[in-house]
PDB file of all heavy atoms in Angstrom:
ATOM      1  N   ALA A   1      74.668 -64.473  20.800  1.00  0.00           N
ATOM      2  CA  ALA A   1      76.086 -64.757  20.583  1.00  0.00           C
ATOM      3  C   ALA A   1      76.906 -63.479  20.405  1.00  0.00           C
ATOM      4  O   ALA A   1      78.114 -63.490  20.608  1.00  0.00           O
ATOM      5  CB  ALA A   1      76.246 -65.656  19.345  1.00  0.00           C
ATOM      6  N   ASP A   2      76.293 -62.380  20.046  1.00  0.00           N
ATOM      7  CA  ASP A   2      77.042 -61.139  19.825  1.00  0.00           C
ATOM      8  C   ASP A   2      77.342 -60.388  21.118  1.00  0.00           C
ATOM      9  O   ASP A   2      78.313 -59.631  21.180  1.00  0.00           O
ATOM     10  CB  ASP A   2      76.273 -60.217  18.866  1.00  0.00           C
ATOM     11  CG  ASP A   2      76.151 -60.819  17.479  1.00  0.00           C
ATOM     12  OD1 ASP A   2      77.023 -61.671  17.137  1.00  0.00           O
ATOM     13  OD2 ASP A   2      75.203 -60.478  16.770  1.00  0.00           O
ATOM     14  N   ALA A   3      76.535 -60.577  22.140  1.00  0.00           N
ATOM     15  CA  ALA A   3      76.724 -59.872  23.426  1.00  0.00           C
ATOM     16  C   ALA A   3      77.776 -60.613  24.265  1.00  0.00           C
ATOM     17  O   ALA A   3      78.043 -61.798  24.073  1.00  0.00           O
ATOM     18  CB  ALA A   3      75.412 -59.793  24.178  1.00  0.00           C
ATOM     19  N   ARG A   4      78.355 -59.887  25.191  1.00  0.00           N
ATOM     20  CA  ARG A   4      79.338 -60.524  26.073  1.00  0.00           C
ATOM     21  C   ARG A   4      78.655 -61.522  26.985  1.00  0.00           C
ATOM     22  O   ARG A   4      77.544 -61.269  27.500  1.00  0.00           O
ATOM     23  CB  ARG A   4      80.063 -59.464  26.897  1.00  0.00           C
ATOM     24  CG  ARG A   4      81.003 -58.641  26.017  1.00  0.00           C
ATOM     25  CD  ARG A   4      81.882 -57.718  26.810  1.00  0.00           C
ATOM     26  NE  ARG A   4      82.704 -58.466  27.748  1.00  0.00           N
ATOM     27  CZ  ARG A   4      83.196 -57.932  28.866  1.00  0.00           C
ATOM     28  NH1 ARG A   4      82.956 -56.689  29.174  1.00  0.00           N
ATOM     29  NH2 ARG A   4      83.949 -58.647  29.668  1.00  0.00           N
ATOM     30  N   PRO A   5      79.271 -62.655  27.259  1.00  0.00           N
ATOM     31  CA  PRO A   5      78.638 -63.696  28.056  1.00  0.00           C
ATOM     32  C   PRO A   5      78.758 -63.441  29.557  1.00  0.00           C
ATOM     33  O   PRO A   5      79.492 -62.571  30.020  1.00  0.00           O
ATOM     34  CB  PRO A   5      79.435 -64.941  27.670  1.00  0.00           C
ATOM     35  CG  PRO A   5      80.798 -64.414  27.374  1.00  0.00           C
ATOM     36  CD  PRO A   5      80.570 -63.076  26.730  1.00  0.00           C
ATOM     37  N   LEU A   6      78.021 -64.245  30.301  1.00  0.00           N
ATOM     38  CA  LEU A   6      78.080 -64.251  31.761  1.00  0.00           C
ATOM     39  C   LEU A   6      78.639 -65.608  32.204  1.00  0.00           C
ATOM     40  O   LEU A   6      78.425 -66.621  31.544  1.00  0.00           O
ATOM     41  CB  LEU A   6      76.696 -64.082  32.378  1.00  0.00           C
ATOM     42  CG  LEU A   6      76.020 -62.729  32.240  1.00  0.00           C
ATOM     43  CD1 LEU A   6      74.591 -62.814  32.732  1.00  0.00           C
ATOM     44  CD2 LEU A   6      76.770 -61.678  33.024  1.00  0.00           C
ATOM     45  N   CYS A   7      79.320 -65.609  33.336  1.00  0.00           N
ATOM     46  CA  CYS A   7      79.722 -66.903  33.900  1.00  0.00           C
ATOM     47  C   CYS A   7      78.473 -67.541  34.529  1.00  0.00           C
ATOM     48  O   CYS A   7      77.438 -66.896  34.715  1.00  0.00           O
ATOM     49  CB  CYS A   7      80.829 -66.721  34.936  1.00  0.00           C
ATOM     50  SG  CYS A   7      80.360 -65.813  36.393  1.00  0.00           S
ATOM     51  N   ILE A   8      78.560 -68.804  34.853  1.00  0.00           N
ATOM     52  CA  ILE A   8      77.398 -69.523  35.371  1.00  0.00           C
ATOM     53  C   ILE A   8      76.920 -68.907  36.674  1.00  0.00           C
ATOM     54  O   ILE A   8      75.709 -68.721  36.896  1.00  0.00           O
ATOM     55  CB  ILE A   8      77.731 -71.020  35.543  1.00  0.00           C
ATOM     56  CG1 ILE A   8      77.975 -71.644  34.158  1.00  0.00           C
ATOM     57  CG2 ILE A   8      76.628 -71.759  36.267  1.00  0.00           C
ATOM     58  CD1 ILE A   8      78.466 -73.064  34.196  1.00  0.00           C
ATOM     59  N   ASN A   9      77.838 -68.552  37.567  1.00  0.00           N
ATOM     60  CA  ASN A   9      77.443 -67.982  38.862  1.00  0.00           C
ATOM     61  C   ASN A   9      76.718 -66.643  38.681  1.00  0.00           C
ATOM     62  O   ASN A   9      75.688 -66.400  39.309  1.00  0.00           O
ATOM     63  CB  ASN A   9      78.675 -67.772  39.748  1.00  0.00           C
ATOM     64  CG  ASN A   9      79.200 -69.075  40.289  1.00  0.00           C
ATOM     65  OD1 ASN A   9      78.463 -70.036  40.440  1.00  0.00           O
ATOM     66  ND2 ASN A   9      80.486 -69.095  40.602  1.00  0.00           N
ATOM     67  N   CYS A  10      77.235 -65.777  37.824  1.00  0.00           N
ATOM     68  CA  CYS A  10      76.588 -64.481  37.604  1.00  0.00           C
ATOM     69  C   CYS A  10      75.236 -64.656  36.925  1.00  0.00           C
ATOM     70  O   CYS A  10      74.276 -63.927  37.219  1.00  0.00           O
ATOM     71  CB  CYS A  10      77.484 -63.569  36.789  1.00  0.00           C
ATOM     72  SG  CYS A  10      78.956 -63.035  37.701  1.00  0.00           S
ATOM     73  N   ALA A  11      75.130 -65.608  35.999  1.00  0.00           N
ATOM     74  CA  ALA A  11      73.855 -65.863  35.333  1.00  0.00           C
ATOM     75  C   ALA A  11      72.810 -66.356  36.324  1.00  0.00           C
ATOM     76  O   ALA A  11      71.649 -65.944  36.273  1.00  0.00           O
ATOM     77  CB  ALA A  11      74.042 -66.875  34.203  1.00  0.00           C
ATOM     78  N   LEU A  12      73.217 -67.208  37.254  1.00  0.00           N
ATOM     79  CA  LEU A  12      72.277 -67.698  38.282  1.00  0.00           C
ATOM     80  C   LEU A  12      71.857 -66.587  39.228  1.00  0.00           C
ATOM     81  O   LEU A  12      70.714 -66.495  39.637  1.00  0.00           O
ATOM     82  CB  LEU A  12      72.888 -68.876  39.040  1.00  0.00           C
ATOM     83  CG  LEU A  12      73.028 -70.181  38.274  1.00  0.00           C
ATOM     84  CD1 LEU A  12      73.807 -71.209  39.064  1.00  0.00           C
ATOM     85  CD2 LEU A  12      71.668 -70.725  37.903  1.00  0.00           C
ATOM     86  N   LYS A  13      72.795 -65.711  39.583  1.00  0.00           N
ATOM     87  CA  LYS A  13      72.464 -64.584  40.444  1.00  0.00           C
ATOM     88  C   LYS A  13      71.488 -63.630  39.749  1.00  0.00           C
ATOM     89  O   LYS A  13      70.529 -63.161  40.359  1.00  0.00           O
ATOM     90  CB  LYS A  13      73.715 -63.829  40.850  1.00  0.00           C
ATOM     91  CG  LYS A  13      74.540 -64.539  41.880  1.00  0.00           C
ATOM     92  CD  LYS A  13      75.781 -63.733  42.225  1.00  0.00           C
ATOM     93  CE  LYS A  13      76.705 -64.496  43.121  1.00  0.00           C
ATOM     94  NZ  LYS A  13      77.964 -63.773  43.365  1.00  0.00           N
ATOM     95  N   ASN A  14      71.710 -63.350  38.472  1.00  0.00           N
ATOM     96  CA  ASN A  14      70.833 -62.452  37.731  1.00  0.00           C
ATOM     97  C   ASN A  14      69.439 -63.032  37.548  1.00  0.00           C
ATOM     98  O   ASN A  14      68.468 -62.290  37.517  1.00  0.00           O
ATOM     99  CB  ASN A  14      71.424 -62.111  36.366  1.00  0.00           C
ATOM    100  CG  ASN A  14      72.572 -61.151  36.460  1.00  0.00           C
ATOM    101  OD1 ASN A  14      72.814 -60.563  37.501  1.00  0.00           O
ATOM    102  ND2 ASN A  14      73.309 -60.985  35.361  1.00  0.00           N
ATOM    103  N   SER A  15      69.348 -64.338  37.437  1.00  0.00           N
ATOM    104  CA  SER A  15      68.044 -64.967  37.237  1.00  0.00           C
ATOM    105  C   SER A  15      67.240 -65.092  38.529  1.00  0.00           C
ATOM    106  O   SER A  15      66.050 -65.357  38.496  1.00  0.00           O
ATOM    107  CB  SER A  15      68.207 -66.339  36.597  1.00  0.00           C
ATOM    108  OG  SER A  15      68.826 -67.227  37.523  1.00  0.00           O
ATOM    109  N   GLY A  16      67.895 -64.926  39.692  1.00  0.00           N
ATOM    110  CA  GLY A  16      67.201 -65.026  40.968  1.00  0.00           C
ATOM    111  C   GLY A  16      67.248 -66.421  41.563  1.00  0.00           C
ATOM    112  O   GLY A  16      66.692 -66.658  42.632  1.00  0.00           O
ATOM    113  N   VAL A  17      67.914 -67.358  40.881  1.00  0.00           N
ATOM    114  CA  VAL A  17      68.016 -68.710  41.415  1.00  0.00           C
ATOM    115  C   VAL A  17      68.964 -68.723  42.608  1.00  0.00           C
ATOM    116  O   VAL A  17      68.719 -69.383  43.595  1.00  0.00           O
ATOM    117  CB  VAL A  17      68.529 -69.688  40.315  1.00  0.00           C
ATOM    118  CG1 VAL A  17      68.783 -71.052  40.885  1.00  0.00           C
ATOM    119  CG2 VAL A  17      67.529 -69.754  39.192  1.00  0.00           C
ATOM    120  N   ARG A  18      70.028 -67.964  42.524  1.00  0.00           N
ATOM    121  CA  ARG A  18      71.021 -67.935  43.575  1.00  0.00           C
ATOM    122  C   ARG A  18      71.224 -66.473  43.974  1.00  0.00           C
ATOM    123  O   ARG A  18      71.272 -65.589  43.146  1.00  0.00           O
ATOM    124  CB  ARG A  18      72.336 -68.507  43.055  1.00  0.00           C
ATOM    125  CG  ARG A  18      73.295 -68.872  44.145  1.00  0.00           C
ATOM    126  CD  ARG A  18      74.554 -69.422  43.546  1.00  0.00           C
ATOM    127  NE  ARG A  18      74.329 -70.754  42.990  1.00  0.00           N
ATOM    128  CZ  ARG A  18      75.207 -71.380  42.238  1.00  0.00           C
ATOM    129  NH1 ARG A  18      76.347 -70.801  41.910  1.00  0.00           N
ATOM    130  NH2 ARG A  18      74.967 -72.601  41.793  1.00  0.00           N
ATOM    131  N   GLY A  19      71.309 -66.221  45.254  1.00  0.00           N
ATOM    132  CA  GLY A  19      71.539 -64.860  45.713  1.00  0.00           C
ATOM    133  C   GLY A  19      70.705 -64.537  46.914  1.00  0.00           C
ATOM    134  O   GLY A  19      70.115 -65.412  47.557  1.00  0.00           O
ATOM    135  N   SER A  20      70.586 -63.275  47.226  1.00  0.00           N
ATOM    136  CA  SER A  20      69.895 -62.841  48.421  1.00  0.00           C
ATOM    137  C   SER A  20      68.430 -62.495  48.186  1.00  0.00           C
ATOM    138  O   SER A  20      67.759 -62.041  49.087  1.00  0.00           O
ATOM    139  CB  SER A  20      70.611 -61.628  49.023  1.00  0.00           C
ATOM    140  OG  SER A  20      70.575 -60.572  48.107  1.00  0.00           O
ATOM    141  N   LYS A  21      67.959 -62.720  46.997  1.00  0.00           N
ATOM    142  CA  LYS A  21      66.568 -62.401  46.687  1.00  0.00           C
ATOM    143  C   LYS A  21      65.667 -63.368  47.453  1.00  0.00           C
ATOM    144  O   LYS A  21      65.810 -64.582  47.347  1.00  0.00           O
ATOM    145  CB  LYS A  21      66.317 -62.521  45.194  1.00  0.00           C
ATOM    146  CG  LYS A  21      64.905 -62.221  44.791  1.00  0.00           C
ATOM    147  CD  LYS A  21      64.717 -62.377  43.291  1.00  0.00           C
ATOM    148  CE  LYS A  21      63.277 -62.167  42.890  1.00  0.00           C
ATOM    149  NZ  LYS A  21      63.071 -62.417  41.486  1.00  0.00           N
ATOM    150  N   LYS A  22      64.746 -62.828  48.224  1.00  0.00           N
ATOM    151  CA  LYS A  22      63.836 -63.662  49.005  1.00  0.00           C
ATOM    152  C   LYS A  22      62.585 -63.945  48.184  1.00  0.00           C
ATOM    153  O   LYS A  22      61.971 -63.038  47.650  1.00  0.00           O
ATOM    154  CB  LYS A  22      63.477 -62.976  50.308  1.00  0.00           C
ATOM    155  CG  LYS A  22      64.706 -62.795  51.176  1.00  0.00           C
ATOM    156  CD  LYS A  22      64.324 -62.436  52.568  1.00  0.00           C
ATOM    157  CE  LYS A  22      65.634 -62.266  53.323  1.00  0.00           C
ATOM    158  NZ  LYS A  22      65.517 -62.406  54.698  1.00  0.00           N
ATOM    159  N   VAL A  23      62.216 -65.199  48.131  1.00  0.00           N
ATOM    160  CA  VAL A  23      61.051 -65.622  47.388  1.00  0.00           C
ATOM    161  C   VAL A  23      59.899 -65.797  48.374  1.00  0.00           C
ATOM    162  O   VAL A  23      60.023 -66.489  49.363  1.00  0.00           O
ATOM    163  CB  VAL A  23      61.326 -66.947  46.642  1.00  0.00           C
ATOM    164  CG1 VAL A  23      60.089 -67.394  45.885  1.00  0.00           C
ATOM    165  CG2 VAL A  23      62.500 -66.789  45.708  1.00  0.00           C
ATOM    166  N   ARG A  24      58.812 -65.147  48.100  1.00  0.00           N
ATOM    167  CA  ARG A  24      57.629 -65.222  48.972  1.00  0.00           C
ATOM    168  C   ARG A  24      56.962 -66.569  48.768  1.00  0.00           C
ATOM    169  O   ARG A  24      56.785 -67.020  47.630  1.00  0.00           O
ATOM    170  CB  ARG A  24      56.678 -64.095  48.610  1.00  0.00           C
ATOM    171  CG  ARG A  24      55.502 -64.009  49.511  1.00  0.00           C
ATOM    172  CD  ARG A  24      54.670 -62.802  49.186  1.00  0.00           C
ATOM    173  NE  ARG A  24      53.509 -62.784  50.049  1.00  0.00           N
ATOM    174  CZ  ARG A  24      52.395 -62.170  49.761  1.00  0.00           C
ATOM    175  NH1 ARG A  24      52.299 -61.483  48.646  1.00  0.00           N
ATOM    176  NH2 ARG A  24      51.391 -62.213  50.590  1.00  0.00           N
ATOM    177  N   PRO A  25      56.562 -67.241  49.863  1.00  0.00           N
ATOM    178  CA  PRO A  25      55.887 -68.532  49.704  1.00  0.00           C
ATOM    179  C   PRO A  25      54.528 -68.364  49.028  1.00  0.00           C
ATOM    180  O   PRO A  25      53.890 -67.315  49.139  1.00  0.00           O
ATOM    181  CB  PRO A  25      55.729 -69.048  51.134  1.00  0.00           C
ATOM    182  CG  PRO A  25      56.031 -67.915  52.031  1.00  0.00           C
ATOM    183  CD  PRO A  25      56.771 -66.890  51.251  1.00  0.00           C
ATOM    184  N   SER A  26      54.103 -69.415  48.361  1.00  0.00           N
ATOM    185  CA  SER A  26      52.823 -69.354  47.657  1.00  0.00           C
ATOM    186  C   SER A  26      51.667 -69.349  48.659  1.00  0.00           C
ATOM    187  O   SER A  26      51.836 -69.603  49.850  1.00  0.00           O
ATOM    188  CB  SER A  26      52.666 -70.560  46.723  1.00  0.00           C
ATOM    189  OG  SER A  26      52.569 -71.743  47.469  1.00  0.00           O
ATOM    190  N   ARG A  27      50.492 -69.061  48.162  1.00  0.00           N
ATOM    191  CA  ARG A  27      49.312 -69.022  49.027  1.00  0.00           C
ATOM    192  C   ARG A  27      49.054 -70.382  49.638  1.00  0.00           C
ATOM    193  O   ARG A  27      48.705 -70.484  50.810  1.00  0.00           O
ATOM    194  CB  ARG A  27      48.106 -68.580  48.186  1.00  0.00           C
ATOM    195  CG  ARG A  27      46.863 -68.382  48.984  1.00  0.00           C
ATOM    196  CD  ARG A  27      45.763 -67.822  48.112  1.00  0.00           C
ATOM    197  NE  ARG A  27      44.575 -67.601  48.890  1.00  0.00           N
ATOM    198  CZ  ARG A  27      43.431 -67.228  48.380  1.00  0.00           C
ATOM    199  NH1 ARG A  27      43.330 -67.010  47.087  1.00  0.00           N
ATOM    200  NH2 ARG A  27      42.392 -67.031  49.156  1.00  0.00           N
ATOM    201  N   ARG A  28      49.231 -71.440  48.866  1.00  0.00           N
ATOM    202  CA  ARG A  28      49.025 -72.795  49.381  1.00  0.00           C
ATOM    203  C   ARG A  28      50.026 -73.094  50.497  1.00  0.00           C
ATOM    204  O   ARG A  28      49.658 -73.671  51.536  1.00  0.00           O
ATOM    205  CB  ARG A  28      49.216 -73.808  48.249  1.00  0.00           C
ATOM    206  CG  ARG A  28      49.069 -75.241  48.726  1.00  0.00           C
ATOM    207  CD  ARG A  28      49.277 -76.209  47.599  1.00  0.00           C
ATOM    208  NE  ARG A  28      48.118 -76.132  46.725  1.00  0.00           N
ATOM    209  CZ  ARG A  28      47.982 -76.838  45.628  1.00  0.00           C
ATOM    210  NH1 ARG A  28      48.922 -77.640  45.239  1.00  0.00           N
ATOM    211  NH2 ARG A  28      46.895 -76.723  44.887  1.00  0.00           N
ATOM    212  N   GLU A  29      51.274 -72.690  50.335  1.00  0.00           N
ATOM    213  CA  GLU A  29      52.271 -72.915  51.381  1.00  0.00           C
ATOM    214  C   GLU A  29      51.956 -72.112  52.636  1.00  0.00           C
ATOM    215  O   GLU A  29      52.116 -72.618  53.755  1.00  0.00           O
ATOM    216  CB  GLU A  29      53.663 -72.542  50.862  1.00  0.00           C
ATOM    217  CG  GLU A  29      54.199 -73.491  49.816  1.00  0.00           C
ATOM    218  CD  GLU A  29      55.475 -72.989  49.178  1.00  0.00           C
ATOM    219  OE1 GLU A  29      55.709 -71.755  49.177  1.00  0.00           O
ATOM    220  OE2 GLU A  29      56.228 -73.831  48.674  1.00  0.00           O
TER     221      GLU A  29
END
């Protein structure tokens, strides 16, 4: 609560859920 917040879009980009980060498929896939 003491740190400055992020908007939802920026939080999703930082977490890797949304953005240009490519996720490698699993071994099973």
